[in-house]
Amino acid sequence: MSVVSVYAIFGSADEAERIGRTAIEERLAACINILGPVRSIYRWQGAIECAEEVGAILKTSNEQADALIARIAGLHSYDVPCIVTWPIDKILGSYADWVEGSVG
């Protein structure tokens, strides 16, 4: 089993916490780090938009990543949420064991 980070953007810290807590309760993620507000500039429906959003990083196993992405998307307020995985090249063995033991 390998560990991956799932990076997602949310409309608010409350949304990130609600979805992150659900993912942890359902053993799809070991933890979520809710980051401070980010300023996003993006193109949406033909217009340039700016918004204050909240980034978050969830840790899970590679095997649970697809299920976690689907669950986040299903609970998310956005029509097209940013949800991506970042592979982890190096990891402390005891931390990897904890993540792997916390999901699935």
N, C-alpha and C. Protein backbone atom coordinates (compact mmCIF):
# COMPACT_ATOMS: atom_id res chain seq x y z
N MET A 1 0.85 -1.17 0.00
CA MET A 1 0.00 0.00 0.00
C MET A 1 0.90 1.23 0.00
N SER A 2 0.50 2.28 -0.74
CA SER A 2 1.27 3.51 -0.74
C SER A 2 0.36 4.67 -0.35
N VAL A 3 0.97 5.72 0.15
CA VAL A 3 0.25 6.88 0.64
C VAL A 3 0.27 7.97 -0.43
N VAL A 4 -0.86 8.66 -0.60
CA VAL A 4 -0.94 9.80 -1.49
C VAL A 4 -1.59 10.96 -0.75
N SER A 5 -1.33 12.17 -1.22
CA SER A 5 -2.02 13.36 -0.74
C SER A 5 -3.09 13.70 -1.75
N VAL A 6 -4.25 14.06 -1.26
CA VAL A 6 -5.33 14.55 -2.11
C VAL A 6 -5.51 16.02 -1.79
N TYR A 7 -5.27 16.85 -2.79
CA TYR A 7 -5.41 18.29 -2.64
C TYR A 7 -6.77 18.70 -3.18
N ALA A 8 -7.48 19.52 -2.42
CA ALA A 8 -8.80 19.98 -2.86
C ALA A 8 -8.99 21.43 -2.45
N ILE A 9 -9.82 22.12 -3.20
CA ILE A 9 -10.19 23.50 -2.91
C ILE A 9 -11.67 23.52 -2.54
N PHE A 10 -12.00 24.28 -1.50
CA PHE A 10 -13.37 24.37 -1.01
C PHE A 10 -13.83 25.82 -0.97
N GLY A 11 -15.12 26.01 -0.95
CA GLY A 11 -15.68 27.36 -0.90
C GLY A 11 -15.53 28.03 0.45
N SER A 12 -15.32 27.24 1.51
CA SER A 12 -15.17 27.80 2.85
C SER A 12 -14.47 26.79 3.75
N ALA A 13 -13.98 27.29 4.88
CA ALA A 13 -13.37 26.40 5.87
C ALA A 13 -14.40 25.44 6.44
N ASP A 14 -15.62 25.91 6.60
CA ASP A 14 -16.69 25.05 7.12
C ASP A 14 -16.94 23.88 6.18
N GLU A 15 -16.97 24.14 4.87
CA GLU A 15 -17.18 23.06 3.91
C GLU A 15 -16.01 22.08 3.94
N ALA A 16 -14.79 22.59 4.00
CA ALA A 16 -13.62 21.72 4.08
C ALA A 16 -13.69 20.84 5.32
N GLU A 17 -14.06 21.42 6.46
CA GLU A 17 -14.14 20.65 7.70
C GLU A 17 -15.24 19.59 7.63
N ARG A 18 -16.39 19.97 7.11
CA ARG A 18 -17.52 19.03 7.03
C ARG A 18 -17.17 17.84 6.12
N ILE A 19 -16.62 18.13 4.96
CA ILE A 19 -16.28 17.05 4.03
C ILE A 19 -15.09 16.25 4.55
N GLY A 20 -14.10 16.91 5.12
CA GLY A 20 -12.95 16.21 5.68
C GLY A 20 -13.35 15.29 6.82
N ARG A 21 -14.20 15.77 7.70
CA ARG A 21 -14.67 14.94 8.83
C ARG A 21 -15.42 13.71 8.32
N THR A 22 -16.26 13.89 7.30
CA THR A 22 -16.99 12.77 6.71
C THR A 22 -16.02 11.74 6.14
N ALA A 23 -15.01 12.22 5.42
CA ALA A 23 -14.02 11.31 4.81
C ALA A 23 -13.27 10.53 5.87
N ILE A 24 -12.95 11.17 6.98
CA ILE A 24 -12.23 10.48 8.06
C ILE A 24 -13.16 9.50 8.76
N GLU A 25 -14.39 9.91 9.04
CA GLU A 25 -15.35 9.00 9.67
C GLU A 25 -15.59 7.75 8.82
N GLU A 26 -15.60 7.93 7.50
CA GLU A 26 -15.84 6.81 6.59
C GLU A 26 -14.56 6.05 6.23
N ARG A 27 -13.45 6.41 6.87
CA ARG A 27 -12.15 5.77 6.69
C ARG A 27 -11.63 5.87 5.26
N LEU A 28 -12.00 6.95 4.57
CA LEU A 28 -11.47 7.21 3.24
C LEU A 28 -10.19 8.04 3.32
N ALA A 29 -10.01 8.76 4.42
CA ALA A 29 -8.81 9.57 4.64
C ALA A 29 -8.37 9.40 6.08
N ALA A 30 -7.05 9.49 6.29
CA ALA A 30 -6.52 9.42 7.65
C ALA A 30 -6.60 10.77 8.34
N CYS A 31 -6.44 11.86 7.57
CA CYS A 31 -6.50 13.20 8.16
C CYS A 31 -6.70 14.23 7.05
N ILE A 32 -7.05 15.42 7.48
CA ILE A 32 -7.14 16.56 6.58
C ILE A 32 -6.41 17.72 7.22
N ASN A 33 -5.62 18.43 6.44
CA ASN A 33 -4.99 19.68 6.86
C ASN A 33 -5.72 20.79 6.12
N ILE A 34 -6.46 21.60 6.86
CA ILE A 34 -7.21 22.70 6.26
C ILE A 34 -6.30 23.93 6.30
N LEU A 35 -5.98 24.41 5.13
CA LEU A 35 -5.04 25.52 4.99
C LEU A 35 -5.79 26.84 5.08
N GLY A 36 -5.04 27.92 5.18
CA GLY A 36 -5.64 29.24 5.24
C GLY A 36 -6.29 29.62 3.92
N PRO A 37 -6.97 30.74 3.92
CA PRO A 37 -7.64 31.17 2.69
C PRO A 37 -6.63 31.38 1.56
N VAL A 38 -7.08 31.07 0.36
CA VAL A 38 -6.28 31.31 -0.84
C VAL A 38 -7.11 32.20 -1.77
N ARG A 39 -6.42 33.01 -2.52
CA ARG A 39 -7.09 33.85 -3.52
C ARG A 39 -6.95 33.14 -4.85
N SER A 40 -8.06 32.79 -5.47
CA SER A 40 -8.06 32.06 -6.73
C SER A 40 -8.52 32.96 -7.86
N ILE A 41 -7.82 32.88 -8.98
CA ILE A 41 -8.20 33.57 -10.21
C ILE A 41 -8.34 32.50 -11.27
N TYR A 42 -9.48 32.44 -11.93
CA TYR A 42 -9.74 31.34 -12.86
C TYR A 42 -10.76 31.76 -13.91
N ARG A 43 -10.83 31.01 -14.98
CA ARG A 43 -11.82 31.24 -16.02
C ARG A 43 -13.00 30.30 -15.76
N TRP A 44 -14.21 30.87 -15.71
CA TRP A 44 -15.41 30.06 -15.50
C TRP A 44 -16.52 30.59 -16.40
N GLN A 45 -17.04 29.74 -17.23
CA GLN A 45 -18.13 30.06 -18.15
C GLN A 45 -17.82 31.32 -18.96
N GLY A 46 -16.57 31.37 -19.45
CA GLY A 46 -16.15 32.44 -20.36
C GLY A 46 -15.69 33.72 -19.70
N ALA A 47 -15.74 33.82 -18.40
CA ALA A 47 -15.34 35.05 -17.70
C ALA A 47 -14.19 34.75 -16.74
N ILE A 48 -13.36 35.75 -16.50
CA ILE A 48 -12.30 35.64 -15.50
C ILE A 48 -12.93 35.97 -14.14
N GLU A 49 -12.79 35.06 -13.20
CA GLU A 49 -13.37 35.20 -11.86
C GLU A 49 -12.27 35.25 -10.80
N CYS A 50 -12.56 35.86 -9.69
CA CYS A 50 -11.68 35.87 -8.51
C CYS A 50 -12.52 35.44 -7.31
N ALA A 51 -11.93 34.63 -6.46
CA ALA A 51 -12.67 34.17 -5.28
C ALA A 51 -11.70 33.87 -4.15
N GLU A 52 -12.18 34.03 -2.93
CA GLU A 52 -11.43 33.55 -1.77
C GLU A 52 -11.93 32.14 -1.48
N GLU A 53 -11.01 31.20 -1.45
CA GLU A 53 -11.35 29.79 -1.24
C GLU A 53 -10.44 29.24 -0.15
N VAL A 54 -10.63 27.97 0.17
CA VAL A 54 -9.83 27.31 1.20
C VAL A 54 -9.25 26.03 0.61
N GLY A 55 -7.94 25.89 0.70
CA GLY A 55 -7.28 24.68 0.25
C GLY A 55 -7.17 23.68 1.39
N ALA A 56 -7.10 22.41 1.03
CA ALA A 56 -6.93 21.37 2.04
C ALA A 56 -6.15 20.21 1.44
N ILE A 57 -5.43 19.51 2.30
CA ILE A 57 -4.67 18.33 1.90
C ILE A 57 -5.14 17.17 2.77
N LEU A 58 -5.61 16.13 2.12
CA LEU A 58 -6.03 14.91 2.81
C LEU A 58 -5.01 13.82 2.51
N LYS A 59 -4.73 12.97 3.49
CA LYS A 59 -3.82 11.84 3.29
C LYS A 59 -4.61 10.55 3.30
N THR A 60 -4.31 9.70 2.31
CA THR A 60 -5.00 8.43 2.18
C THR A 60 -4.07 7.43 1.51
N SER A 61 -4.56 6.22 1.33
CA SER A 61 -3.80 5.21 0.59
C SER A 61 -4.10 5.36 -0.89
N ASN A 62 -3.19 4.92 -1.71
CA ASN A 62 -3.40 4.92 -3.15
C ASN A 62 -4.67 4.15 -3.51
N GLU A 63 -4.93 3.06 -2.78
CA GLU A 63 -6.09 2.22 -3.03
C GLU A 63 -7.40 2.94 -2.73
N GLN A 64 -7.40 3.87 -1.79
CA GLN A 64 -8.62 4.59 -1.40
C GLN A 64 -8.78 5.91 -2.14
N ALA A 65 -7.78 6.32 -2.92
CA ALA A 65 -7.79 7.65 -3.53
C ALA A 65 -9.00 7.87 -4.43
N ASP A 66 -9.33 6.91 -5.29
CA ASP A 66 -10.47 7.10 -6.19
C ASP A 66 -11.78 7.23 -5.42
N ALA A 67 -11.96 6.43 -4.40
CA ALA A 67 -13.18 6.51 -3.58
C ALA A 67 -13.24 7.84 -2.84
N LEU A 68 -12.10 8.32 -2.35
CA LEU A 68 -12.06 9.60 -1.65
C LEU A 68 -12.40 10.74 -2.61
N ILE A 69 -11.81 10.73 -3.79
CA ILE A 69 -12.09 11.77 -4.78
C ILE A 69 -13.58 11.78 -5.12
N ALA A 70 -14.16 10.63 -5.34
CA ALA A 70 -15.59 10.54 -5.67
C ALA A 70 -16.45 11.06 -4.52
N ARG A 71 -16.08 10.73 -3.30
CA ARG A 71 -16.86 11.16 -2.13
C ARG A 71 -16.78 12.67 -1.94
N ILE A 72 -15.58 13.23 -2.08
CA ILE A 72 -15.43 14.68 -1.98
C ILE A 72 -16.29 15.36 -3.05
N ALA A 73 -16.19 14.88 -4.28
CA ALA A 73 -16.95 15.47 -5.38
C ALA A 73 -18.45 15.39 -5.11
N GLY A 74 -18.92 14.29 -4.56
CA GLY A 74 -20.34 14.12 -4.28
C GLY A 74 -20.86 15.03 -3.19
N LEU A 75 -20.00 15.43 -2.27
CA LEU A 75 -20.40 16.30 -1.16
C LEU A 75 -20.12 17.78 -1.42
N HIS A 76 -19.36 18.06 -2.46
CA HIS A 76 -18.85 19.40 -2.73
C HIS A 76 -19.92 20.32 -3.27
N SER A 77 -19.80 21.61 -2.94
CA SER A 77 -20.77 22.61 -3.42
C SER A 77 -20.49 23.07 -4.85
N TYR A 78 -19.30 22.82 -5.37
CA TYR A 78 -18.96 23.28 -6.72
C TYR A 78 -19.41 22.28 -7.77
N ASP A 79 -19.77 22.78 -8.94
CA ASP A 79 -20.09 21.90 -10.07
C ASP A 79 -18.86 21.14 -10.55
N VAL A 80 -17.71 21.82 -10.56
CA VAL A 80 -16.45 21.22 -11.02
C VAL A 80 -15.37 21.52 -9.99
N PRO A 81 -15.31 20.75 -8.90
CA PRO A 81 -14.32 21.04 -7.86
C PRO A 81 -12.91 20.61 -8.26
N CYS A 82 -11.94 21.33 -7.74
CA CYS A 82 -10.53 20.95 -7.90
C CYS A 82 -10.24 19.86 -6.87
N ILE A 83 -9.96 18.65 -7.36
CA ILE A 83 -9.57 17.54 -6.49
C ILE A 83 -8.51 16.76 -7.24
N VAL A 84 -7.28 16.75 -6.73
CA VAL A 84 -6.18 16.07 -7.42
C VAL A 84 -5.36 15.28 -6.42
N THR A 85 -4.66 14.27 -6.89
CA THR A 85 -3.73 13.56 -6.02
C THR A 85 -2.31 14.00 -6.31
N TRP A 86 -1.52 14.01 -5.27
CA TRP A 86 -0.09 14.26 -5.36
C TRP A 86 0.61 13.03 -4.83
N PRO A 87 1.44 12.40 -5.64
CA PRO A 87 2.17 11.24 -5.12
C PRO A 87 3.18 11.69 -4.06
N ILE A 88 3.45 10.80 -3.15
CA ILE A 88 4.45 11.07 -2.11
C ILE A 88 5.66 10.21 -2.43
N ASP A 89 6.77 10.88 -2.66
CA ASP A 89 7.99 10.19 -3.04
C ASP A 89 8.72 9.58 -1.84
N LYS A 90 8.76 10.30 -0.75
CA LYS A 90 9.41 9.84 0.48
C LYS A 90 8.47 10.10 1.64
N ILE A 91 8.47 9.19 2.62
CA ILE A 91 7.58 9.34 3.77
C ILE A 91 8.18 8.62 4.97
N LEU A 92 8.00 9.19 6.13
CA LEU A 92 8.43 8.54 7.37
C LEU A 92 7.64 7.25 7.53
N GLY A 93 8.34 6.15 7.73
CA GLY A 93 7.70 4.83 7.79
C GLY A 93 6.57 4.74 8.80
N SER A 94 6.77 5.29 9.98
CA SER A 94 5.73 5.20 11.00
C SER A 94 4.51 6.03 10.62
N TYR A 95 4.71 7.13 9.90
CA TYR A 95 3.57 7.93 9.44
C TYR A 95 2.81 7.19 8.36
N ALA A 96 3.52 6.57 7.44
CA ALA A 96 2.86 5.76 6.39
C ALA A 96 2.04 4.64 7.02
N ASP A 97 2.61 3.99 8.03
CA ASP A 97 1.88 2.91 8.71
C ASP A 97 0.61 3.44 9.35
N TRP A 98 0.69 4.64 9.96
CA TRP A 98 -0.49 5.22 10.60
C TRP A 98 -1.57 5.54 9.55
N VAL A 99 -1.17 6.17 8.44
CA VAL A 99 -2.14 6.48 7.38
C VAL A 99 -2.80 5.20 6.89
N GLU A 100 -1.99 4.23 6.55
CA GLU A 100 -2.51 2.97 6.01
C GLU A 100 -3.43 2.26 7.00
N GLY A 101 -3.11 2.36 8.29
CA GLY A 101 -3.95 1.72 9.30
C GLY A 101 -5.24 2.48 9.60
N SER A 102 -5.29 3.74 9.15
CA SER A 102 -6.45 4.59 9.44
C SER A 102 -7.50 4.57 8.34
N VAL A 103 -7.16 4.02 7.19
CA VAL A 103 -8.10 4.01 6.06
C VAL A 103 -8.44 2.57 5.69
N GLY A 104 -9.50 2.43 4.92
CA GLY A 104 -9.84 1.11 4.41
C GLY A 104 -10.87 0.39 5.22
